[in-house]
């Protein structure tokens, strides 16, 4: 005896279609996936994202020394 057999899954699918409609289901699933992904990242701690590698700091231009202040005579 399975917990979720095919007839059970079909009933759940029909209920989801009734509540959300066919157009909103991709948005709901996308939000659910992002939530799960965010939860997993939060549990693992900060990691580097391979699609967005860390950027190198911008090159610093050498500072020129300020000329000595001239005093009026």
PDB file of N, CA and C in Angstrom:
ATOM      1  N   UNK A   1       0.831  -1.174   0.000  1.00  0.00           N
ATOM      2  CA  UNK A   1       0.000   0.000   0.000  1.00  0.00           C
ATOM      3  C   UNK A   1       0.884   1.249   0.000  1.00  0.00           C
ATOM      4  N   UNK A   2       0.832   1.990  -1.069  1.00  0.00           N
ATOM      5  CA  UNK A   2       1.649   3.185  -1.188  1.00  0.00           C
ATOM      6  C   UNK A   2       0.964   4.377  -0.543  1.00  0.00           C
ATOM      7  N   UNK A   3       1.773   5.316  -0.106  1.00  0.00           N
ATOM      8  CA  UNK A   3       1.223   6.520   0.498  1.00  0.00           C
ATOM      9  C   UNK A   3       0.575   7.412  -0.559  1.00  0.00           C
ATOM     10  N   UNK A   4       1.265   7.639  -1.667  1.00  0.00           N
ATOM     11  CA  UNK A   4       0.724   8.440  -2.773  1.00  0.00           C
ATOM     12  C   UNK A   4       0.716   7.596  -4.044  1.00  0.00           C
ATOM     13  N   UNK A   5      -0.402   7.061  -4.377  1.00  0.00           N
ATOM     14  CA  UNK A   5      -0.517   6.284  -5.602  1.00  0.00           C
ATOM     15  C   UNK A   5      -0.966   7.219  -6.728  1.00  0.00           C
ATOM     16  N   UNK A   6      -1.076   6.701  -7.919  1.00  0.00           N
ATOM     17  CA  UNK A   6      -1.444   7.496  -9.085  1.00  0.00           C
ATOM     18  C   UNK A   6      -2.806   8.174  -8.909  1.00  0.00           C
ATOM     19  N   UNK A   7      -3.839   7.483  -8.445  1.00  0.00           N
ATOM     20  CA  UNK A   7      -5.126   8.174  -8.250  1.00  0.00           C
ATOM     21  C   UNK A   7      -5.040   9.327  -7.233  1.00  0.00           C
ATOM     22  N   UNK A   8      -4.242   9.144  -6.189  1.00  0.00           N
ATOM     23  CA  UNK A   8      -4.072  10.213  -5.208  1.00  0.00           C
ATOM     24  C   UNK A   8      -3.403  11.437  -5.843  1.00  0.00           C
ATOM     25  N   UNK A   9      -2.370  11.197  -6.636  1.00  0.00           N
ATOM     26  CA  UNK A   9      -1.677  12.307  -7.296  1.00  0.00           C
ATOM     27  C   UNK A   9      -2.590  13.036  -8.280  1.00  0.00           C
ATOM     28  N   UNK A  10      -3.441  12.306  -8.984  1.00  0.00           N
ATOM     29  CA  UNK A  10      -4.380  12.945  -9.909  1.00  0.00           C
ATOM     30  C   UNK A  10      -5.389  13.816  -9.167  1.00  0.00           C
ATOM     31  N   UNK A  11      -5.867  13.340  -8.032  1.00  0.00           N
ATOM     32  CA  UNK A  11      -6.801  14.136  -7.235  1.00  0.00           C
ATOM     33  C   UNK A  11      -6.121  15.419  -6.747  1.00  0.00           C
ATOM     34  N   UNK A  12      -4.884  15.304  -6.284  1.00  0.00           N
ATOM     35  CA  UNK A  12      -4.135  16.484  -5.835  1.00  0.00           C
ATOM     36  C   UNK A  12      -3.941  17.460  -6.995  1.00  0.00           C
ATOM     37  N   UNK A  13      -3.617  16.950  -8.174  1.00  0.00           N
ATOM     38  CA  UNK A  13      -3.429  17.800  -9.344  1.00  0.00           C
ATOM     39  C   UNK A  13      -4.714  18.551  -9.696  1.00  0.00           C
ATOM     40  N   UNK A  14      -5.846  17.878  -9.639  1.00  0.00           N
ATOM     41  CA  UNK A  14      -7.130  18.531  -9.940  1.00  0.00           C
ATOM     42  C   UNK A  14      -7.419  19.629  -8.914  1.00  0.00           C
ATOM     43  N   UNK A  15      -7.154  19.357  -7.653  1.00  0.00           N
ATOM     44  CA  UNK A  15      -7.395  20.360  -6.612  1.00  0.00           C
ATOM     45  C   UNK A  15      -6.495  21.578  -6.830  1.00  0.00           C
ATOM     46  N   UNK A  16      -5.236  21.349  -7.166  1.00  0.00           N
ATOM     47  CA  UNK A  16      -4.309  22.459  -7.425  1.00  0.00           C
ATOM     48  C   UNK A  16      -4.789  23.272  -8.623  1.00  0.00           C
ATOM     49  N   UNK A  17      -5.236  22.612  -9.663  1.00  0.00           N
ATOM     50  CA  UNK A  17      -5.747  23.331 -10.842  1.00  0.00           C
ATOM     51  C   UNK A  17      -6.975  24.168 -10.488  1.00  0.00           C
ATOM     52  N   UNK A  18      -7.835  23.645  -9.638  1.00  0.00           N
ATOM     53  CA  UNK A  18      -9.036  24.391  -9.246  1.00  0.00           C
ATOM     54  C   UNK A  18      -8.648  25.639  -8.458  1.00  0.00           C
ATOM     55  N   UNK A  19      -7.728  25.493  -7.510  1.00  0.00           N
ATOM     56  CA  UNK A  19      -7.354  26.633  -6.667  1.00  0.00           C
ATOM     57  C   UNK A  19      -6.542  27.689  -7.417  1.00  0.00           C
ATOM     58  N   UNK A  20      -5.566  27.274  -8.196  1.00  0.00           N
ATOM     59  CA  UNK A  20      -4.640  28.227  -8.798  1.00  0.00           C
ATOM     60  C   UNK A  20      -4.917  28.519 -10.260  1.00  0.00           C
ATOM     61  N   UNK A  21      -5.556  27.651 -10.967  1.00  0.00           N
ATOM     62  CA  UNK A  21      -5.758  27.845 -12.395  1.00  0.00           C
ATOM     63  C   UNK A  21      -4.502  27.480 -13.162  1.00  0.00           C
ATOM     64  N   UNK A  22      -4.645  27.265 -14.446  1.00  0.00           N
ATOM     65  CA  UNK A  22      -3.523  26.820 -15.266  1.00  0.00           C
ATOM     66  C   UNK A  22      -2.459  27.874 -15.484  1.00  0.00           C
ATOM     67  N   UNK A  23      -2.838  29.137 -15.437  1.00  0.00           N
ATOM     68  CA  UNK A  23      -1.872  30.203 -15.734  1.00  0.00           C
ATOM     69  C   UNK A  23      -0.951  30.517 -14.566  1.00  0.00           C
ATOM     70  N   UNK A  24      -1.423  30.326 -13.357  1.00  0.00           N
ATOM     71  CA  UNK A  24      -0.612  30.696 -12.192  1.00  0.00           C
ATOM     72  C   UNK A  24       0.278  29.573 -11.692  1.00  0.00           C
ATOM     73  N   UNK A  25       0.064  28.361 -12.161  1.00  0.00           N
ATOM     74  CA  UNK A  25       0.845  27.229 -11.649  1.00  0.00           C
ATOM     75  C   UNK A  25       2.350  27.400 -11.907  1.00  0.00           C
ATOM     76  N   UNK A  26       2.809  27.837 -13.105  1.00  0.00           N
ATOM     77  CA  UNK A  26       4.262  28.026 -13.277  1.00  0.00           C
ATOM     78  C   UNK A  26       4.844  29.053 -12.303  1.00  0.00           C
ATOM     79  N   UNK A  27       4.094  30.133 -12.025  1.00  0.00           N
ATOM     80  CA  UNK A  27       4.583  31.130 -11.073  1.00  0.00           C
ATOM     81  C   UNK A  27       4.673  30.557  -9.665  1.00  0.00           C
ATOM     82  N   UNK A  28       3.668  29.780  -9.292  1.00  0.00           N
ATOM     83  CA  UNK A  28       3.663  29.171  -7.963  1.00  0.00           C
ATOM     84  C   UNK A  28       4.826  28.191  -7.832  1.00  0.00           C
ATOM     85  N   UNK A  29       5.049  27.379  -8.842  1.00  0.00           N
ATOM     86  CA  UNK A  29       6.137  26.401  -8.791  1.00  0.00           C
ATOM     87  C   UNK A  29       7.503  27.097  -8.793  1.00  0.00           C
ATOM     88  N   UNK A  30       7.630  28.171  -9.564  1.00  0.00           N
ATOM     89  CA  UNK A  30       8.889  28.925  -9.600  1.00  0.00           C
ATOM     90  C   UNK A  30       9.170  29.507  -8.219  1.00  0.00           C
ATOM     91  N   UNK A  31       8.162  30.082  -7.592  1.00  0.00           N
ATOM     92  CA  UNK A  31       8.336  30.630  -6.247  1.00  0.00           C
ATOM     93  C   UNK A  31       8.682  29.556  -5.236  1.00  0.00           C
ATOM     94  N   UNK A  32       8.052  28.398  -5.365  1.00  0.00           N
ATOM     95  CA  UNK A  32       8.354  27.291  -4.471  1.00  0.00           C
ATOM     96  C   UNK A  32       9.806  26.826  -4.653  1.00  0.00           C
ATOM     97  N   UNK A  33      10.241  26.723  -5.902  1.00  0.00           N
ATOM     98  CA  UNK A  33      11.627  26.315  -6.172  1.00  0.00           C
ATOM     99  C   UNK A  33      12.631  27.317  -5.635  1.00  0.00           C
ATOM    100  N   UNK A  34      12.353  28.619  -5.798  1.00  0.00           N
ATOM    101  CA  UNK A  34      13.259  29.642  -5.278  1.00  0.00           C
ATOM    102  C   UNK A  34      13.303  29.592  -3.754  1.00  0.00           C
ATOM    103  N   UNK A  35      12.160  29.343  -3.140  1.00  0.00           N
ATOM    104  CA  UNK A  35      12.127  29.245  -1.687  1.00  0.00           C
ATOM    105  C   UNK A  35      12.942  28.070  -1.180  1.00  0.00           C
ATOM    106  N   UNK A  36      12.810  26.931  -1.831  1.00  0.00           N
ATOM    107  CA  UNK A  36      13.578  25.749  -1.434  1.00  0.00           C
ATOM    108  C   UNK A  36      15.071  25.991  -1.646  1.00  0.00           C
ATOM    109  N   UNK A  37      15.422  26.591  -2.783  1.00  0.00           N
ATOM    110  CA  UNK A  37      16.832  26.882  -3.073  1.00  0.00           C
ATOM    111  C   UNK A  37      17.407  27.843  -2.032  1.00  0.00           C
ATOM    112  N   UNK A  38      16.640  28.864  -1.671  1.00  0.00           N
ATOM    113  CA  UNK A  38      17.087  29.827  -0.668  1.00  0.00           C
ATOM    114  C   UNK A  38      17.259  29.149   0.688  1.00  0.00           C
ATOM    115  N   UNK A  39      16.344  28.264   1.029  1.00  0.00           N
ATOM    116  CA  UNK A  39      16.442  27.539   2.291  1.00  0.00           C
ATOM    117  C   UNK A  39      17.702  26.685   2.324  1.00  0.00           C
ATOM    118  N   UNK A  40      17.986  25.975   1.231  1.00  0.00           N
ATOM    119  CA  UNK A  40      19.186  25.128   1.179  1.00  0.00           C
ATOM    120  C   UNK A  40      20.447  25.966   1.301  1.00  0.00           C
ATOM    121  N   UNK A  41      20.484  27.115   0.606  1.00  0.00           N
ATOM    122  CA  UNK A  41      21.656  27.983   0.690  1.00  0.00           C
ATOM    123  C   UNK A  41      21.823  28.525   2.104  1.00  0.00           C
ATOM    124  N   UNK A  42      20.727  28.824   2.759  1.00  0.00           N
ATOM    125  CA  UNK A  42      20.799  29.309   4.127  1.00  0.00           C
ATOM    126  C   UNK A  42      21.311  28.247   5.077  1.00  0.00           C
ATOM    127  N   UNK A  43      20.968  27.006   4.841  1.00  0.00           N
ATOM    128  CA  UNK A  43      21.430  25.919   5.694  1.00  0.00           C
ATOM    129  C   UNK A  43      22.908  25.607   5.469  1.00  0.00           C
ATOM    130  N   UNK A  44      23.394  25.788   4.226  1.00  0.00           N
ATOM    131  CA  UNK A  44      24.780  25.467   3.905  1.00  0.00           C
ATOM    132  C   UNK A  44      25.724  26.601   4.243  1.00  0.00           C
ATOM    133  N   UNK A  45      25.231  27.798   4.371  1.00  0.00           N
ATOM    134  CA  UNK A  45      26.078  28.952   4.623  1.00  0.00           C
ATOM    135  C   UNK A  45      26.433  29.614   3.306  1.00  0.00           C
ATOM    136  N   UNK A  46      27.162  30.703   3.373  1.00  0.00           N
ATOM    137  CA  UNK A  46      27.490  31.429   2.146  1.00  0.00           C
ATOM    138  C   UNK A  46      28.431  30.624   1.251  1.00  0.00           C
ATOM    139  N   UNK A  47      28.089  30.545  -0.006  1.00  0.00           N
ATOM    140  CA  UNK A  47      28.925  29.880  -1.000  1.00  0.00           C
ATOM    141  C   UNK A  47      29.042  30.782  -2.207  1.00  0.00           C
ATOM    142  N   UNK A  48      30.042  30.523  -3.032  1.00  0.00           N
ATOM    143  CA  UNK A  48      30.211  31.310  -4.244  1.00  0.00           C
ATOM    144  C   UNK A  48      29.297  30.772  -5.319  1.00  0.00           C
ATOM    145  N   UNK A  49      28.683  31.661  -6.066  1.00  0.00           N
ATOM    146  CA  UNK A  49      27.810  31.292  -7.168  1.00  0.00           C
ATOM    147  C   UNK A  49      28.667  31.181  -8.430  1.00  0.00           C
ATOM    148  N   UNK A  50      28.745  30.012  -9.079  1.00  0.00           N
ATOM    149  CA  UNK A  50      29.618  29.869 -10.243  1.00  0.00           C
ATOM    150  C   UNK A  50      29.191  30.735 -11.421  1.00  0.00           C
ATOM    151  N   UNK A  51      27.929  31.139 -11.478  1.00  0.00           N
ATOM    152  CA  UNK A  51      27.511  31.972 -12.602  1.00  0.00           C
ATOM    153  C   UNK A  51      27.892  33.422 -12.384  1.00  0.00           C
ATOM    154  N   UNK A  52      28.133  33.828 -11.146  1.00  0.00           N
ATOM    155  CA  UNK A  52      28.547  35.190 -10.838  1.00  0.00           C
ATOM    156  C   UNK A  52      29.835  35.148 -10.022  1.00  0.00           C
ATOM    157  N   UNK A  53      30.992  34.979 -10.677  1.00  0.00           N
ATOM    158  CA  UNK A  53      32.242  34.917  -9.922  1.00  0.00           C
ATOM    159  C   UNK A  53      32.523  36.270  -9.269  1.00  0.00           C
ATOM    160  N   UNK A  54      33.266  36.273  -8.173  1.00  0.00           N
ATOM    161  CA  UNK A  54      33.572  37.546  -7.519  1.00  0.00           C
ATOM    162  C   UNK A  54      34.373  38.438  -8.453  1.00  0.00           C
ATOM    163  N   UNK A  55      34.062  39.705  -8.414  1.00  0.00           N
ATOM    164  CA  UNK A  55      34.745  40.645  -9.300  1.00  0.00           C
ATOM    165  C   UNK A  55      35.977  41.193  -8.598  1.00  0.00           C
ATOM    166  N   UNK A  56      37.008  41.441  -9.398  1.00  0.00           N
ATOM    167  CA  UNK A  56      38.227  42.023  -8.873  1.00  0.00           C
ATOM    168  C   UNK A  56      37.953  43.485  -8.540  1.00  0.00           C
ATOM    169  N   UNK A  57      38.594  43.998  -7.496  1.00  0.00           N
ATOM    170  CA  UNK A  57      38.381  45.407  -7.173  1.00  0.00           C
ATOM    171  C   UNK A  57      38.909  46.287  -8.301  1.00  0.00           C
ATOM    172  N   UNK A  58      38.331  47.460  -8.481  1.00  0.00           N
ATOM    173  CA  UNK A  58      38.794  48.322  -9.564  1.00  0.00           C
ATOM    174  C   UNK A  58      40.233  48.751  -9.310  1.00  0.00           C
ATOM    175  N   UNK A  59      41.015  48.898 -10.368  1.00  0.00           N
ATOM    176  CA  UNK A  59      42.421  49.299 -10.179  1.00  0.00           C
ATOM    177  C   UNK A  59      42.487  50.702  -9.580  1.00  0.00           C
ATOM    178  N   UNK A  60      43.392  50.847  -8.630  1.00  0.00           N
ATOM    179  CA  UNK A  60      43.534  52.146  -7.984  1.00  0.00           C
ATOM    180  C   UNK A  60      44.585  52.952  -8.726  1.00  0.00           C
ATOM    181  N   UNK A  61      44.259  54.201  -8.916  1.00  0.00           N
ATOM    182  CA  UNK A  61      45.204  55.085  -9.591  1.00  0.00           C
ATOM    183  C   UNK A  61      46.173  55.632  -8.556  1.00  0.00           C
ATOM    184  N   UNK A  62      47.437  55.750  -8.948  1.00  0.00           N
ATOM    185  CA  UNK A  62      48.412  56.252  -7.985  1.00  0.00           C
ATOM    186  C   UNK A  62      48.074  57.694  -7.609  1.00  0.00           C
ATOM    187  N   UNK A  63      48.179  57.967  -6.329  1.00  0.00           N
ATOM    188  CA  UNK A  63      47.891  59.316  -5.872  1.00  0.00           C
ATOM    189  C   UNK A  63      49.136  60.172  -6.025  1.00  0.00           C
ATOM    190  N   UNK A  64      48.920  61.357  -6.526  1.00  0.00           N
ATOM    191  CA  UNK A  64      50.038  62.285  -6.685  1.00  0.00           C
ATOM    192  C   UNK A  64      50.121  63.121  -5.416  1.00  0.00           C
ATOM    193  N   UNK A  65      51.329  63.332  -4.954  1.00  0.00           N
ATOM    194  CA  UNK A  65      51.467  64.126  -3.732  1.00  0.00           C
ATOM    195  C   UNK A  65      50.977  65.556  -3.983  1.00  0.00           C
ATOM    196  N   UNK A  66      50.382  66.123  -2.960  1.00  0.00           N
ATOM    197  CA  UNK A  66      49.921  67.499  -3.077  1.00  0.00           C
ATOM    198  C   UNK A  66      51.125  68.445  -3.126  1.00  0.00           C
ATOM    199  N   UNK A  67      51.077  69.461  -3.996  1.00  0.00           N
ATOM    200  CA  UNK A  67      52.197  70.413  -4.021  1.00  0.00           C
ATOM    201  C   UNK A  67      52.217  71.206  -2.705  1.00  0.00           C
ATOM    202  N   UNK A  68      53.386  71.606  -2.280  1.00  0.00           N
ATOM    203  CA  UNK A  68      53.478  72.361  -1.022  1.00  0.00           C
ATOM    204  C   UNK A  68      52.674  73.661  -1.125  1.00  0.00           C
ATOM    205  N   UNK A  69      52.023  73.983  -0.049  1.00  0.00           N
ATOM    206  CA  UNK A  69      51.232  75.209  -0.037  1.00  0.00           C
ATOM    207  C   UNK A  69      52.150  76.414  -0.075  1.00  0.00           C
ATOM    208  N   UNK A  70      51.828  77.369  -0.901  1.00  0.00           N
ATOM    209  CA  UNK A  70      52.634  78.589  -0.992  1.00  0.00           C
ATOM    210  C   UNK A  70      52.036  79.638  -0.083  1.00  0.00           C
ATOM    211  N   UNK A  71      52.894  80.260   0.668  1.00  0.00           N
ATOM    212  CA  UNK A  71      52.425  81.295   1.570  1.00  0.00           C
ATOM    213  C   UNK A  71      52.560  82.652   0.881  1.00  0.00           C
ATOM    214  N   UNK A  72      51.578  83.512   1.043  1.00  0.00           N
ATOM    215  CA  UNK A  72      51.690  84.837   0.420  1.00  0.00           C
ATOM    216  C   UNK A  72      52.770  85.672   1.091  1.00  0.00           C
ATOM    217  N   UNK A  73      53.468  86.523   0.342  1.00  0.00           N
ATOM    218  CA  UNK A  73      54.553  87.331   0.869  1.00  0.00           C
ATOM    219  C   UNK A  73      54.076  88.663   1.259  1.00  0.00           C
TER     220      UNK A  73
END
